Amino acid sequence: MFWKCPQCGKKSLRVEGEKAVCLACSGTNKVYPCPQCGVRALVERIPGGERHPAPRYLCFSCGGSWAAGEIETCPECGRPEFSTEFEELIICRSAAGFYVCRKCYEKIFRD
């Protein structure tokens, strides 16, 4: 099955394991589960120096697109999630905290 390539727009993108490869432009992207539809079809678009801002993340299953900052990658699990789905994790009172996705936050405090 071929999908529409987020780089060139042609319907020649094929998923090969954890990568999406376009047969038309040879673009290669890592594929993640989409935080909106759950299908492993989210790719991070490679910035190309366009004059107008383009979506940073595109899902070739549900068609969703998000700008930089709307989706972040969790430093704990590596999954992209909506920016609103992060919690600050503070290791101790004197340390600066960092943000992890809610799934990882709940897992850390559940264990």
Protein backbone atom coordinates (compact mmCIF):
# COMPACT_ATOMS: atom_id res chain seq x y z
CA MET A 1 0.00 0.00 0.00
CA PHE A 2 1.30 3.46 -0.88
CA TRP A 3 0.59 6.73 0.96
CA LYS A 4 0.99 10.39 -0.02
CA CYS A 5 4.56 11.54 0.66
CA PRO A 6 4.83 14.55 3.00
CA GLN A 7 7.93 15.71 1.11
CA CYS A 8 6.91 15.58 -2.58
CA GLY A 9 3.13 15.02 -2.38
CA LYS A 10 3.12 11.95 -4.65
CA LYS A 11 1.33 8.77 -3.61
CA SER A 12 4.50 6.71 -3.49
CA LEU A 13 5.35 6.46 0.22
CA ARG A 14 5.76 2.93 1.54
CA VAL A 15 6.22 1.87 5.16
CA GLU A 16 9.14 -0.50 5.68
CA GLY A 17 9.32 -1.50 9.33
CA GLU A 18 9.81 1.71 11.31
CA LYS A 19 10.68 3.86 8.28
CA ALA A 20 8.65 5.41 5.52
CA VAL A 21 10.43 5.52 2.16
CA CYS A 22 9.21 7.50 -0.86
CA LEU A 23 9.90 5.81 -4.19
CA ALA A 24 9.47 9.12 -6.06
CA CYS A 25 11.78 11.48 -4.14
CA SER A 26 13.78 8.94 -2.09
CA GLY A 27 12.78 10.73 1.13
CA THR A 28 13.08 8.62 4.26
CA ASN A 29 11.32 9.36 7.53
CA LYS A 30 11.00 7.48 10.81
CA VAL A 31 7.37 6.48 11.42
CA TYR A 32 5.68 6.97 14.81
CA PRO A 33 2.21 6.21 16.19
CA CYS A 34 -0.01 9.24 15.57
CA PRO A 35 -1.24 10.82 18.83
CA GLN A 36 -4.57 11.62 17.13
CA CYS A 37 -5.55 8.36 15.39
CA GLY A 38 -3.13 5.86 16.97
CA VAL A 39 -1.97 4.44 13.60
CA ARG A 40 1.79 4.13 13.02
CA ALA A 41 1.68 6.77 10.27
CA LEU A 42 3.14 9.96 11.78
CA VAL A 43 6.29 11.36 10.19
CA GLU A 44 8.37 14.37 11.13
CA ARG A 45 8.79 16.54 8.07
CA ILE A 46 12.34 17.55 7.29
CA PRO A 47 12.59 21.36 7.30
CA GLY A 48 13.25 22.54 3.77
CA GLY A 49 13.64 26.30 4.09
CA GLU A 50 10.22 27.23 2.70
CA ARG A 51 9.18 30.87 2.78
CA HIS A 52 5.91 29.98 4.49
CA PRO A 53 5.81 27.82 7.61
CA ALA A 54 4.86 24.25 6.79
CA PRO A 55 3.56 21.57 9.16
CA ARG A 56 6.35 19.86 11.09
CA TYR A 57 4.48 16.60 11.69
CA LEU A 58 2.15 14.87 9.23
CA CYS A 59 0.02 11.75 9.62
CA PHE A 60 -0.50 9.96 6.33
CA SER A 61 -3.36 7.94 7.82
CA CYS A 62 -5.76 10.52 9.34
CA GLY A 63 -4.34 13.50 7.43
CA GLY A 64 -3.53 15.49 10.57
CA SER A 65 -0.75 18.06 10.49
CA TRP A 66 0.90 19.94 13.33
CA ALA A 67 3.39 22.78 13.61
CA ALA A 68 6.60 22.62 15.61
CA GLY A 69 5.71 22.96 19.28
CA GLU A 70 2.26 21.36 18.96
CA ILE A 71 3.79 17.89 19.19
CA GLU A 72 6.84 17.07 21.32
CA THR A 73 8.88 13.90 21.68
CA CYS A 74 8.96 12.37 25.15
CA PRO A 75 12.57 12.08 26.41
CA GLU A 76 11.63 8.95 28.37
CA CYS A 77 9.88 6.76 25.75
CA GLY A 78 10.67 8.60 22.49
CA ARG A 79 7.01 8.79 21.35
CA PRO A 80 5.60 11.98 19.88
CA GLU A 81 2.64 13.30 21.90
CA PHE A 82 0.60 16.50 21.88
CA SER A 83 2.40 19.21 23.85
CA THR A 84 -0.55 19.41 26.24
CA GLU A 85 0.06 15.77 27.28
CA PHE A 86 3.28 16.42 29.21
CA GLU A 87 3.84 16.62 32.97
CA GLU A 88 6.84 18.09 34.75
CA LEU A 89 8.92 15.43 36.46
CA ILE A 90 10.95 16.76 39.39
CA ILE A 91 13.49 14.31 40.76
CA CYS A 92 14.17 16.23 44.00
CA ARG A 93 13.36 19.67 45.37
CA SER A 94 16.78 21.15 44.52
CA ALA A 95 16.88 19.81 40.94
CA ALA A 96 15.37 21.36 37.84
CA GLY A 97 12.52 19.33 36.40
CA PHE A 98 11.96 18.10 32.88
CA TYR A 99 8.80 17.13 31.05
CA VAL A 100 7.69 13.61 30.13
CA CYS A 101 4.46 12.40 28.53
CA ARG A 102 1.58 11.53 30.87
CA LYS A 103 1.94 7.79 30.15
CA CYS A 104 5.57 7.80 31.33
CA TYR A 105 4.75 10.10 34.27
CA GLU A 106 2.03 7.73 35.47
CA LYS A 107 4.26 4.70 34.96
CA ILE A 108 7.08 6.26 37.01
CA PHE A 109 4.79 7.07 39.94
CA ARG A 110 2.80 3.85 39.70
CA ASP A 111 5.89 1.64 40.09
